[in-house]
């Protein structure tokens, strides 16, 4: 059964290390992240089997650089929850594509 794991933590650095811990601890996959308050509060979302997500989130909370503001495991999320997560993931993907396009355009200009 697919489930979601979320950890909300202060600072981007703490979020990246929490994600690293989750991915190294269990068989979970990064889905998306959200930064609020200028990156002072970051939510990382992973997915996988319930047991793997639970293990990953608990490990990240235990080893976190900073105390998490919140964390949760949602077993078998409702389709509307998945839709919300997919909207976030598509927004993240769009920003990444824009950044890659700007970088490619910058390289093309320098080559001329």
PDB file of N, CA and C in Angstrom:
ATOM      1  N   UNK A   1       0.847  -1.174   0.000  1.00  0.00           N
ATOM      2  CA  UNK A   1       0.000   0.000   0.000  1.00  0.00           C
ATOM      3  C   UNK A   1       0.889   1.232   0.000  1.00  0.00           C
ATOM      4  N   UNK A   2       0.629   2.168  -0.888  1.00  0.00           N
ATOM      5  CA  UNK A   2       1.384   3.404  -0.962  1.00  0.00           C
ATOM      6  C   UNK A   2       1.006   4.297   0.206  1.00  0.00           C
ATOM      7  N   UNK A   3       2.010   4.968   0.738  1.00  0.00           N
ATOM      8  CA  UNK A   3       1.759   5.931   1.804  1.00  0.00           C
ATOM      9  C   UNK A   3       2.660   7.132   1.593  1.00  0.00           C
ATOM     10  N   UNK A   4       2.352   8.197   2.309  1.00  0.00           N
ATOM     11  CA  UNK A   4       3.136   9.417   2.255  1.00  0.00           C
ATOM     12  C   UNK A   4       3.772   9.667   3.607  1.00  0.00           C
ATOM     13  N   UNK A   5       4.978  10.178   3.587  1.00  0.00           N
ATOM     14  CA  UNK A   5       5.643  10.610   4.808  1.00  0.00           C
ATOM     15  C   UNK A   5       6.024  12.060   4.653  1.00  0.00           C
ATOM     16  N   UNK A   6       5.764  12.849   5.680  1.00  0.00           N
ATOM     17  CA  UNK A   6       6.062  14.274   5.639  1.00  0.00           C
ATOM     18  C   UNK A   6       6.859  14.652   6.874  1.00  0.00           C
ATOM     19  N   UNK A   7       7.815  15.529   6.680  1.00  0.00           N
ATOM     20  CA  UNK A   7       8.524  16.108   7.806  1.00  0.00           C
ATOM     21  C   UNK A   7       8.670  17.592   7.506  1.00  0.00           C
ATOM     22  N   UNK A   8       8.269  18.404   8.453  1.00  0.00           N
ATOM     23  CA  UNK A   8       8.377  19.852   8.327  1.00  0.00           C
ATOM     24  C   UNK A   8       9.423  20.308   9.326  1.00  0.00           C
ATOM     25  N   UNK A   9      10.444  20.982   8.821  1.00  0.00           N
ATOM     26  CA  UNK A   9      11.612  21.259   9.639  1.00  0.00           C
ATOM     27  C   UNK A   9      12.156  22.656   9.312  1.00  0.00           C
ATOM     28  N   UNK A  10      12.708  23.342  10.305  1.00  0.00           N
ATOM     29  CA  UNK A  10      13.285  24.661  10.044  1.00  0.00           C
ATOM     30  C   UNK A  10      14.593  24.542   9.269  1.00  0.00           C
ATOM     31  N   UNK A  11      14.738  25.251   8.213  1.00  0.00           N
ATOM     32  CA  UNK A  11      15.935  25.421   7.383  1.00  0.00           C
ATOM     33  C   UNK A  11      16.044  24.396   6.261  1.00  0.00           C
ATOM     34  N   UNK A  12      16.570  24.875   5.163  1.00  0.00           N
ATOM     35  CA  UNK A  12      16.774  24.024   3.989  1.00  0.00           C
ATOM     36  C   UNK A  12      17.822  22.958   4.287  1.00  0.00           C
ATOM     37  N   UNK A  13      18.893  23.337   4.974  1.00  0.00           N
ATOM     38  CA  UNK A  13      19.950  22.367   5.283  1.00  0.00           C
ATOM     39  C   UNK A  13      19.410  21.204   6.114  1.00  0.00           C
ATOM     40  N   UNK A  14      18.603  21.515   7.117  1.00  0.00           N
ATOM     41  CA  UNK A  14      18.021  20.457   7.951  1.00  0.00           C
ATOM     42  C   UNK A  14      17.079  19.586   7.125  1.00  0.00           C
ATOM     43  N   UNK A  15      16.358  20.189   6.174  1.00  0.00           N
ATOM     44  CA  UNK A  15      15.447  19.421   5.316  1.00  0.00           C
ATOM     45  C   UNK A  15      16.214  18.483   4.394  1.00  0.00           C
ATOM     46  N   UNK A  16      17.315  18.964   3.846  1.00  0.00           N
ATOM     47  CA  UNK A  16      18.114  18.124   2.949  1.00  0.00           C
ATOM     48  C   UNK A  16      18.702  16.944   3.717  1.00  0.00           C
ATOM     49  N   UNK A  17      19.203  17.194   4.918  1.00  0.00           N
ATOM     50  CA  UNK A  17      19.761  16.083   5.693  1.00  0.00           C
ATOM     51  C   UNK A  17      18.661  15.121   6.142  1.00  0.00           C
ATOM     52  N   UNK A  18      17.466  15.641   6.423  1.00  0.00           N
ATOM     53  CA  UNK A  18      16.343  14.762   6.778  1.00  0.00           C
ATOM     54  C   UNK A  18      15.971  13.877   5.589  1.00  0.00           C
ATOM     55  N   UNK A  19      15.929  14.453   4.397  1.00  0.00           N
ATOM     56  CA  UNK A  19      15.631  13.666   3.198  1.00  0.00           C
ATOM     57  C   UNK A  19      16.706  12.611   2.972  1.00  0.00           C
ATOM     58  N   UNK A  20      17.953  12.985   3.142  1.00  0.00           N
ATOM     59  CA  UNK A  20      19.053  12.034   2.988  1.00  0.00           C
ATOM     60  C   UNK A  20      18.902  10.871   3.964  1.00  0.00           C
ATOM     61  N   UNK A  21      18.586  11.182   5.197  1.00  0.00           N
ATOM     62  CA  UNK A  21      18.374  10.142   6.208  1.00  0.00           C
ATOM     63  C   UNK A  21      17.226   9.229   5.814  1.00  0.00           C
ATOM     64  N   UNK A  22      16.115   9.817   5.368  1.00  0.00           N
ATOM     65  CA  UNK A  22      14.951   9.007   4.994  1.00  0.00           C
ATOM     66  C   UNK A  22      15.276   8.066   3.841  1.00  0.00           C
ATOM     67  N   UNK A  23      15.956   8.589   2.824  1.00  0.00           N
ATOM     68  CA  UNK A  23      16.258   7.763   1.653  1.00  0.00           C
ATOM     69  C   UNK A  23      17.279   6.669   1.960  1.00  0.00           C
ATOM     70  N   UNK A  24      18.204   6.930   2.888  1.00  0.00           N
ATOM     71  CA  UNK A  24      19.204   5.931   3.254  1.00  0.00           C
ATOM     72  C   UNK A  24      18.661   4.899   4.243  1.00  0.00           C
ATOM     73  N   UNK A  25      17.637   5.274   5.002  1.00  0.00           N
ATOM     74  CA  UNK A  25      17.100   4.404   6.036  1.00  0.00           C
ATOM     75  C   UNK A  25      16.156   3.348   5.477  1.00  0.00           C
ATOM     76  N   UNK A  26      15.350   3.728   4.496  1.00  0.00           N
ATOM     77  CA  UNK A  26      14.312   2.816   4.012  1.00  0.00           C
ATOM     78  C   UNK A  26      14.095   3.027   2.516  1.00  0.00           C
ATOM     79  N   UNK A  27      13.339   2.138   1.922  1.00  0.00           N
ATOM     80  CA  UNK A  27      13.047   2.190   0.492  1.00  0.00           C
ATOM     81  C   UNK A  27      11.906   3.172   0.242  1.00  0.00           C
ATOM     82  N   UNK A  28      12.252   4.468   0.269  1.00  0.00           N
ATOM     83  CA  UNK A  28      11.273   5.516  -0.003  1.00  0.00           C
ATOM     84  C   UNK A  28      11.757   6.347  -1.166  1.00  0.00           C
ATOM     85  N   UNK A  29      10.836   7.078  -1.761  1.00  0.00           N
ATOM     86  CA  UNK A  29      11.141   7.901  -2.918  1.00  0.00           C
ATOM     87  C   UNK A  29      10.732   9.339  -2.637  1.00  0.00           C
ATOM     88  N   UNK A  30      11.618  10.275  -2.940  1.00  0.00           N
ATOM     89  CA  UNK A  30      11.323  11.700  -2.796  1.00  0.00           C
ATOM     90  C   UNK A  30      10.212  12.080  -3.761  1.00  0.00           C
ATOM     91  N   UNK A  31       9.230  12.842  -3.270  1.00  0.00           N
ATOM     92  CA  UNK A  31       8.119  13.270  -4.112  1.00  0.00           C
ATOM     93  C   UNK A  31       8.209  14.763  -4.394  1.00  0.00           C
ATOM     94  N   UNK A  32       8.289  15.573  -3.343  1.00  0.00           N
ATOM     95  CA  UNK A  32       8.331  17.025  -3.512  1.00  0.00           C
ATOM     96  C   UNK A  32       8.758  17.680  -2.211  1.00  0.00           C
ATOM     97  N   UNK A  33       8.917  18.981  -2.262  1.00  0.00           N
ATOM     98  CA  UNK A  33       9.173  19.756  -1.062  1.00  0.00           C
ATOM     99  C   UNK A  33       8.563  21.132  -1.236  1.00  0.00           C
ATOM    100  N   UNK A  34       8.294  21.771  -0.138  1.00  0.00           N
ATOM    101  CA  UNK A  34       7.729  23.112  -0.127  1.00  0.00           C
ATOM    102  C   UNK A  34       8.537  23.956   0.832  1.00  0.00           C
ATOM    103  N   UNK A  35       8.910  25.150   0.401  1.00  0.00           N
ATOM    104  CA  UNK A  35       9.618  26.086   1.276  1.00  0.00           C
ATOM    105  C   UNK A  35       8.684  27.234   1.615  1.00  0.00           C
ATOM    106  N   UNK A  36       8.617  27.562   2.880  1.00  0.00           N
ATOM    107  CA  UNK A  36       7.796  28.671   3.350  1.00  0.00           C
ATOM    108  C   UNK A  36       8.664  29.588   4.193  1.00  0.00           C
ATOM    109  N   UNK A  37       8.225  30.817   4.343  1.00  0.00           N
ATOM    110  CA  UNK A  37       8.929  31.799   5.163  1.00  0.00           C
ATOM    111  C   UNK A  37      10.375  31.960   4.713  1.00  0.00           C
ATOM    112  N   UNK A  38      10.584  32.014   3.409  1.00  0.00           N
ATOM    113  CA  UNK A  38      11.924  32.202   2.872  1.00  0.00           C
ATOM    114  C   UNK A  38      12.856  31.036   3.123  1.00  0.00           C
ATOM    115  N   UNK A  39      12.322  29.837   3.244  1.00  0.00           N
ATOM    116  CA  UNK A  39      13.145  28.654   3.487  1.00  0.00           C
ATOM    117  C   UNK A  39      13.381  28.375   4.955  1.00  0.00           C
ATOM    118  N   UNK A  40      12.746  29.173   5.824  1.00  0.00           N
ATOM    119  CA  UNK A  40      12.913  28.937   7.264  1.00  0.00           C
ATOM    120  C   UNK A  40      12.036  27.791   7.751  1.00  0.00           C
ATOM    121  N   UNK A  41      11.118  27.351   6.915  1.00  0.00           N
ATOM    122  CA  UNK A  41      10.284  26.202   7.236  1.00  0.00           C
ATOM    123  C   UNK A  41      10.114  25.399   5.950  1.00  0.00           C
ATOM    124  N   UNK A  42      10.566  24.155   5.964  1.00  0.00           N
ATOM    125  CA  UNK A  42      10.583  23.334   4.760  1.00  0.00           C
ATOM    126  C   UNK A  42       9.871  22.014   5.042  1.00  0.00           C
ATOM    127  N   UNK A  43       8.965  21.641   4.139  1.00  0.00           N
ATOM    128  CA  UNK A  43       8.281  20.361   4.232  1.00  0.00           C
ATOM    129  C   UNK A  43       8.795  19.450   3.128  1.00  0.00           C
ATOM    130  N   UNK A  44       9.245  18.264   3.518  1.00  0.00           N
ATOM    131  CA  UNK A  44       9.731  17.264   2.571  1.00  0.00           C
ATOM    132  C   UNK A  44       8.725  16.120   2.552  1.00  0.00           C
ATOM    133  N   UNK A  45       8.381  15.647   1.352  1.00  0.00           N
ATOM    134  CA  UNK A  45       7.406  14.573   1.198  1.00  0.00           C
ATOM    135  C   UNK A  45       8.066  13.390   0.487  1.00  0.00           C
ATOM    136  N   UNK A  46       7.896  12.200   1.062  1.00  0.00           N
ATOM    137  CA  UNK A  46       8.374  10.961   0.453  1.00  0.00           C
ATOM    138  C   UNK A  46       7.204   9.991   0.333  1.00  0.00           C
ATOM    139  N   UNK A  47       7.386   8.969  -0.501  1.00  0.00           N
ATOM    140  CA  UNK A  47       6.348   7.953  -0.642  1.00  0.00           C
ATOM    141  C   UNK A  47       6.973   6.569  -0.636  1.00  0.00           C
ATOM    142  N   UNK A  48       6.158   5.584  -0.340  1.00  0.00           N
ATOM    143  CA  UNK A  48       6.592   4.192  -0.329  1.00  0.00           C
ATOM    144  C   UNK A  48       5.607   3.354   0.445  1.00  0.00           C
ATOM    145  N   UNK A  49       6.019   2.122   0.772  1.00  0.00           N
ATOM    146  CA  UNK A  49       5.174   1.259   1.595  1.00  0.00           C
ATOM    147  C   UNK A  49       5.064   1.850   2.992  1.00  0.00           C
ATOM    148  N   UNK A  50       3.970   1.541   3.661  1.00  0.00           N
ATOM    149  CA  UNK A  50       3.705   2.107   4.982  1.00  0.00           C
ATOM    150  C   UNK A  50       4.871   1.858   5.945  1.00  0.00           C
ATOM    151  N   UNK A  51       5.363   0.638   5.988  1.00  0.00           N
ATOM    152  CA  UNK A  51       6.434   0.320   6.938  1.00  0.00           C
ATOM    153  C   UNK A  51       7.716   1.077   6.602  1.00  0.00           C
ATOM    154  N   UNK A  52       8.040   1.186   5.328  1.00  0.00           N
ATOM    155  CA  UNK A  52       9.252   1.900   4.920  1.00  0.00           C
ATOM    156  C   UNK A  52       9.141   3.390   5.224  1.00  0.00           C
ATOM    157  N   UNK A  53       7.991   3.969   4.918  1.00  0.00           N
ATOM    158  CA  UNK A  53       7.786   5.398   5.175  1.00  0.00           C
ATOM    159  C   UNK A  53       7.824   5.675   6.673  1.00  0.00           C
ATOM    160  N   UNK A  54       7.192   4.820   7.457  1.00  0.00           N
ATOM    161  CA  UNK A  54       7.205   4.991   8.910  1.00  0.00           C
ATOM    162  C   UNK A  54       8.629   4.939   9.441  1.00  0.00           C
ATOM    163  N   UNK A  55       9.391   3.957   9.004  1.00  0.00           N
ATOM    164  CA  UNK A  55      10.778   3.824   9.441  1.00  0.00           C
ATOM    165  C   UNK A  55      11.596   5.055   9.017  1.00  0.00           C
ATOM    166  N   UNK A  56      11.395   5.509   7.793  1.00  0.00           N
ATOM    167  CA  UNK A  56      12.146   6.652   7.276  1.00  0.00           C
ATOM    168  C   UNK A  56      11.847   7.926   8.061  1.00  0.00           C
ATOM    169  N   UNK A  57      10.571   8.194   8.307  1.00  0.00           N
ATOM    170  CA  UNK A  57      10.189   9.406   9.029  1.00  0.00           C
ATOM    171  C   UNK A  57      10.692   9.358  10.465  1.00  0.00           C
ATOM    172  N   UNK A  58      10.512   8.227  11.129  1.00  0.00           N
ATOM    173  CA  UNK A  58      10.982   8.112  12.520  1.00  0.00           C
ATOM    174  C   UNK A  58      12.488   8.311  12.606  1.00  0.00           C
ATOM    175  N   UNK A  59      13.226   7.769  11.668  1.00  0.00           N
ATOM    176  CA  UNK A  59      14.678   7.923  11.665  1.00  0.00           C
ATOM    177  C   UNK A  59      15.076   9.379  11.423  1.00  0.00           C
ATOM    178  N   UNK A  60      14.403  10.032  10.488  1.00  0.00           N
ATOM    179  CA  UNK A  60      14.707  11.440  10.195  1.00  0.00           C
ATOM    180  C   UNK A  60      14.407  12.331  11.392  1.00  0.00           C
ATOM    181  N   UNK A  61      13.319  12.055  12.098  1.00  0.00           N
ATOM    182  CA  UNK A  61      12.972  12.834  13.281  1.00  0.00           C
ATOM    183  C   UNK A  61      14.028  12.635  14.370  1.00  0.00           C
ATOM    184  N   UNK A  62      14.441  11.403  14.545  1.00  0.00           N
ATOM    185  CA  UNK A  62      15.423  11.067  15.580  1.00  0.00           C
ATOM    186  C   UNK A  62      16.785  11.711  15.308  1.00  0.00           C
ATOM    187  N   UNK A  63      17.192  11.763  14.029  1.00  0.00           N
ATOM    188  CA  UNK A  63      18.525  12.242  13.676  1.00  0.00           C
ATOM    189  C   UNK A  63      18.533  13.673  13.139  1.00  0.00           C
ATOM    190  N   UNK A  64      17.431  14.377  13.227  1.00  0.00           N
ATOM    191  CA  UNK A  64      17.305  15.709  12.636  1.00  0.00           C
ATOM    192  C   UNK A  64      18.307  16.706  13.216  1.00  0.00           C
ATOM    193  N   UNK A  65      18.827  17.569  12.347  1.00  0.00           N
ATOM    194  CA  UNK A  65      19.728  18.629  12.787  1.00  0.00           C
ATOM    195  C   UNK A  65      19.004  19.612  13.708  1.00  0.00           C
ATOM    196  N   UNK A  66      17.766  19.914  13.359  1.00  0.00           N
ATOM    197  CA  UNK A  66      16.913  20.808  14.147  1.00  0.00           C
ATOM    198  C   UNK A  66      15.616  20.074  14.464  1.00  0.00           C
ATOM    199  N   UNK A  67      14.980  20.464  15.538  1.00  0.00           N
ATOM    200  CA  UNK A  67      13.736  19.798  15.938  1.00  0.00           C
ATOM    201  C   UNK A  67      12.645  20.040  14.886  1.00  0.00           C
ATOM    202  N   UNK A  68      12.061  18.975  14.356  1.00  0.00           N
ATOM    203  CA  UNK A  68      10.978  19.143  13.377  1.00  0.00           C
ATOM    204  C   UNK A  68       9.781  19.878  13.975  1.00  0.00           C
ATOM    205  N   UNK A  69       9.170  20.724  13.159  1.00  0.00           N
ATOM    206  CA  UNK A  69       7.956  21.423  13.575  1.00  0.00           C
ATOM    207  C   UNK A  69       6.776  20.457  13.565  1.00  0.00           C
ATOM    208  N   UNK A  70       6.798  19.520  12.619  1.00  0.00           N
ATOM    209  CA  UNK A  70       5.724  18.525  12.495  1.00  0.00           C
ATOM    210  C   UNK A  70       6.207  17.385  11.611  1.00  0.00           C
ATOM    211  N   UNK A  71       5.570  16.251  11.768  1.00  0.00           N
ATOM    212  CA  UNK A  71       5.844  15.106  10.896  1.00  0.00           C
ATOM    213  C   UNK A  71       4.638  14.193  10.922  1.00  0.00           C
ATOM    214  N   UNK A  72       4.483  13.415   9.831  1.00  0.00           N
ATOM    215  CA  UNK A  72       3.325  12.530   9.740  1.00  0.00           C
ATOM    216  C   UNK A  72       3.572  11.430   8.729  1.00  0.00           C
ATOM    217  N   UNK A  73       2.871  10.337   8.933  1.00  0.00           N
ATOM    218  CA  UNK A  73       2.806   9.251   7.962  1.00  0.00           C
ATOM    219  C   UNK A  73       1.329   9.070   7.649  1.00  0.00           C
ATOM    220  N   UNK A  74       1.012   9.103   6.357  1.00  0.00           N
ATOM    221  CA  UNK A  74      -0.379   8.923   5.935  1.00  0.00           C
ATOM    222  C   UNK A  74      -0.453   7.635   5.134  1.00  0.00           C
ATOM    223  N   UNK A  75      -1.045   6.619   5.725  1.00  0.00           N
ATOM    224  CA  UNK A  75      -1.222   5.344   5.035  1.00  0.00           C
ATOM    225  C   UNK A  75      -2.427   5.444   4.107  1.00  0.00           C
ATOM    226  N   UNK A  76      -2.247   5.002   2.870  1.00  0.00           N
ATOM    227  CA  UNK A  76      -3.333   4.994   1.888  1.00  0.00           C
ATOM    228  C   UNK A  76      -4.045   6.347   1.813  1.00  0.00           C
ATOM    229  N   UNK A  77      -3.330   7.405   1.412  1.00  0.00           N
ATOM    230  CA  UNK A  77      -3.934   8.742   1.370  1.00  0.00           C
ATOM    231  C   UNK A  77      -5.125   8.803   0.413  1.00  0.00           C
ATOM    232  N   UNK A  78      -6.054   9.666   0.737  1.00  0.00           N
ATOM    233  CA  UNK A  78      -7.220   9.914  -0.111  1.00  0.00           C
ATOM    234  C   UNK A  78      -6.745  10.494  -1.438  1.00  0.00           C
ATOM    235  N   UNK A  79      -7.487  10.276  -2.491  1.00  0.00           N
ATOM    236  CA  UNK A  79      -7.093  10.748  -3.824  1.00  0.00           C
ATOM    237  C   UNK A  79      -6.906  12.262  -3.868  1.00  0.00           C
ATOM    238  N   UNK A  80      -7.629  13.021  -3.049  1.00  0.00           N
ATOM    239  CA  UNK A  80      -7.455  14.477  -3.018  1.00  0.00           C
ATOM    240  C   UNK A  80      -6.110  14.858  -2.401  1.00  0.00           C
ATOM    241  N   UNK A  81      -5.629  14.064  -1.459  1.00  0.00           N
ATOM    242  CA  UNK A  81      -4.301  14.312  -0.887  1.00  0.00           C
ATOM    243  C   UNK A  81      -3.248  14.068  -1.959  1.00  0.00           C
ATOM    244  N   UNK A  82      -3.391  12.980  -2.714  1.00  0.00           N
ATOM    245  CA  UNK A  82      -2.456  12.710  -3.807  1.00  0.00           C
ATOM    246  C   UNK A  82      -2.482  13.845  -4.818  1.00  0.00           C
ATOM    247  N   UNK A  83      -3.667  14.367  -5.107  1.00  0.00           N
ATOM    248  CA  UNK A  83      -3.788  15.460  -6.071  1.00  0.00           C
ATOM    249  C   UNK A  83      -3.036  16.689  -5.581  1.00  0.00           C
ATOM    250  N   UNK A  84      -3.159  16.996  -4.303  1.00  0.00           N
ATOM    251  CA  UNK A  84      -2.455  18.132  -3.723  1.00  0.00           C
ATOM    252  C   UNK A  84      -0.942  17.945  -3.829  1.00  0.00           C
ATOM    253  N   UNK A  85      -0.460  16.752  -3.537  1.00  0.00           N
ATOM    254  CA  UNK A  85       0.972  16.458  -3.611  1.00  0.00           C
ATOM    255  C   UNK A  85       1.442  16.541  -5.069  1.00  0.00           C
ATOM    256  N   UNK A  86       0.647  16.049  -5.996  1.00  0.00           N
ATOM    257  CA  UNK A  86       1.016  16.111  -7.410  1.00  0.00           C
ATOM    258  C   UNK A  86       1.092  17.545  -7.910  1.00  0.00           C
ATOM    259  N   UNK A  87       0.223  18.419  -7.431  1.00  0.00           N
ATOM    260  CA  UNK A  87       0.278  19.836  -7.800  1.00  0.00           C
ATOM    261  C   UNK A  87       1.597  20.437  -7.326  1.00  0.00           C
ATOM    262  N   UNK A  88       1.978  20.125  -6.108  1.00  0.00           N
ATOM    263  CA  UNK A  88       3.248  20.612  -5.570  1.00  0.00           C
ATOM    264  C   UNK A  88       4.422  20.083  -6.388  1.00  0.00           C
ATOM    265  N   UNK A  89       4.387  18.791  -6.711  1.00  0.00           N
ATOM    266  CA  UNK A  89       5.472  18.180  -7.475  1.00  0.00           C
ATOM    267  C   UNK A  89       5.565  18.783  -8.876  1.00  0.00           C
ATOM    268  N   UNK A  90       4.431  19.052  -9.504  1.00  0.00           N
ATOM    269  CA  UNK A  90       4.461  19.629 -10.850  1.00  0.00           C
ATOM    270  C   UNK A  90       4.984  21.059 -10.811  1.00  0.00           C
ATOM    271  N   UNK A  91       4.683  21.795  -9.748  1.00  0.00           N
ATOM    272  CA  UNK A  91       5.209  23.151  -9.577  1.00  0.00           C
ATOM    273  C   UNK A  91       6.730  23.095  -9.430  1.00  0.00           C
ATOM    274  N   UNK A  92       7.227  22.133  -8.659  1.00  0.00           N
ATOM    275  CA  UNK A  92       8.658  21.956  -8.471  1.00  0.00           C
ATOM    276  C   UNK A  92       9.327  21.601  -9.805  1.00  0.00           C
ATOM    277  N   UNK A  93       8.717  20.714 -10.564  1.00  0.00           N
ATOM    278  CA  UNK A  93       9.269  20.289 -11.851  1.00  0.00           C
ATOM    279  C   UNK A  93       9.321  21.462 -12.825  1.00  0.00           C
ATOM    280  N   UNK A  94       8.272  22.287 -12.832  1.00  0.00           N
ATOM    281  CA  UNK A  94       8.221  23.443 -13.726  1.00  0.00           C
ATOM    282  C   UNK A  94       9.345  24.431 -13.386  1.00  0.00           C
ATOM    283  N   UNK A  95       9.580  24.671 -12.094  1.00  0.00           N
ATOM    284  CA  UNK A  95      10.654  25.577 -11.686  1.00  0.00           C
ATOM    285  C   UNK A  95      12.014  25.026 -12.097  1.00  0.00           C
ATOM    286  N   UNK A  96      12.201  23.725 -11.969  1.00  0.00           N
ATOM    287  CA  UNK A  96      13.461  23.094 -12.364  1.00  0.00           C
ATOM    288  C   UNK A  96      13.688  23.245 -13.868  1.00  0.00           C
ATOM    289  N   UNK A  97      12.642  23.036 -14.651  1.00  0.00           N
ATOM    290  CA  UNK A  97      12.762  23.169 -16.102  1.00  0.00           C
ATOM    291  C   UNK A  97      13.097  24.604 -16.492  1.00  0.00           C
ATOM    292  N   UNK A  98      12.485  25.592 -15.805  1.00  0.00           N
ATOM    293  CA  UNK A  98      12.777  26.999 -16.085  1.00  0.00           C
ATOM    294  C   UNK A  98      14.231  27.319 -15.767  1.00  0.00           C
ATOM    295  N   UNK A  99      14.727  26.795 -14.659  1.00  0.00           N
ATOM    296  CA  UNK A  99      16.117  27.019 -14.267  1.00  0.00           C
ATOM    297  C   UNK A  99      17.071  26.401 -15.278  1.00  0.00           C
ATOM    298  N   UNK A 100      16.768  25.186 -15.730  1.00  0.00           N
ATOM    299  CA  UNK A 100      17.610  24.519 -16.722  1.00  0.00           C
ATOM    300  C   UNK A 100      17.611  25.280 -18.048  1.00  0.00           C
ATOM    301  N   UNK A 101      16.456  25.810 -18.439  1.00  0.00           N
ATOM    302  CA  UNK A 101      16.368  26.575 -19.690  1.00  0.00           C
ATOM    303  C   UNK A 101      17.195  27.849 -19.582  1.00  0.00           C
ATOM    304  N   UNK A 102      17.119  28.540 -18.459  1.00  0.00           N
ATOM    305  CA  UNK A 102      17.914  29.766 -18.269  1.00  0.00           C
ATOM    306  C   UNK A 102      19.405  29.447 -18.315  1.00  0.00           C
ATOM    307  N   UNK A 103      19.790  28.338 -17.711  1.00  0.00           N
ATOM    308  CA  UNK A 103      21.201  27.947 -17.715  1.00  0.00           C
ATOM    309  C   UNK A 103      21.656  27.625 -19.132  1.00  0.00           C
ATOM    310  N   UNK A 104      20.827  26.925 -19.890  1.00  0.00           N
ATOM    311  CA  UNK A 104      21.177  26.589 -21.273  1.00  0.00           C
ATOM    312  C   UNK A 104      21.249  27.841 -22.132  1.00  0.00           C
ATOM    313  N   UNK A 105      20.331  28.776 -21.933  1.00  0.00           N
ATOM    314  CA  UNK A 105      20.352  30.035 -22.678  1.00  0.00           C
ATOM    315  C   UNK A 105      21.612  30.830 -22.342  1.00  0.00           C
ATOM    316  N   UNK A 106      22.002  30.821 -21.081  1.00  0.00           N
ATOM    317  CA  UNK A 106      23.203  31.548 -20.648  1.00  0.00           C
ATOM    318  C   UNK A 106      24.442  30.963 -21.292  1.00  0.00           C
ATOM    319  N   UNK A 107      24.507  29.653 -21.369  1.00  0.00           N
ATOM    320  CA  UNK A 107      25.653  28.982 -22.005  1.00  0.00           C
ATOM    321  C   UNK A 107      25.693  29.290 -23.496  1.00  0.00           C
ATOM    322  N   UNK A 108      24.524  29.296 -24.136  1.00  0.00           N
ATOM    323  CA  UNK A 108      24.449  29.582 -25.581  1.00  0.00           C
ATOM    324  C   UNK A 108      24.911  31.008 -25.855  1.00  0.00           C
ATOM    325  N   UNK A 109      24.562  31.960 -25.012  1.00  0.00           N
ATOM    326  CA  UNK A 109      24.976  33.357 -25.206  1.00  0.00           C
ATOM    327  C   UNK A 109      26.482  33.487 -25.046  1.00  0.00           C
ATOM    328  N   UNK A 110      27.063  32.796 -24.074  1.00  0.00           N
ATOM    329  CA  UNK A 110      28.505  32.872 -23.843  1.00  0.00           C
ATOM    330  C   UNK A 110      29.294  32.271 -24.984  1.00  0.00           C
ATOM    331  N   UNK A 111      28.719  31.283 -25.678  1.00  0.00           N
ATOM    332  CA  UNK A 111      29.416  30.640 -26.793  1.00  0.00           C
ATOM    333  C   UNK A 111      29.447  31.501 -28.036  1.00  0.00           C
ATOM    334  N   UNK A 112      28.544  32.461 -28.151  1.00  0.00           N
ATOM    335  CA  UNK A 112      28.471  33.320 -29.359  1.00  0.00           C
ATOM    336  C   UNK A 112      29.568  34.318 -29.415  1.00  0.00           C
TER     337      UNK A 112
END
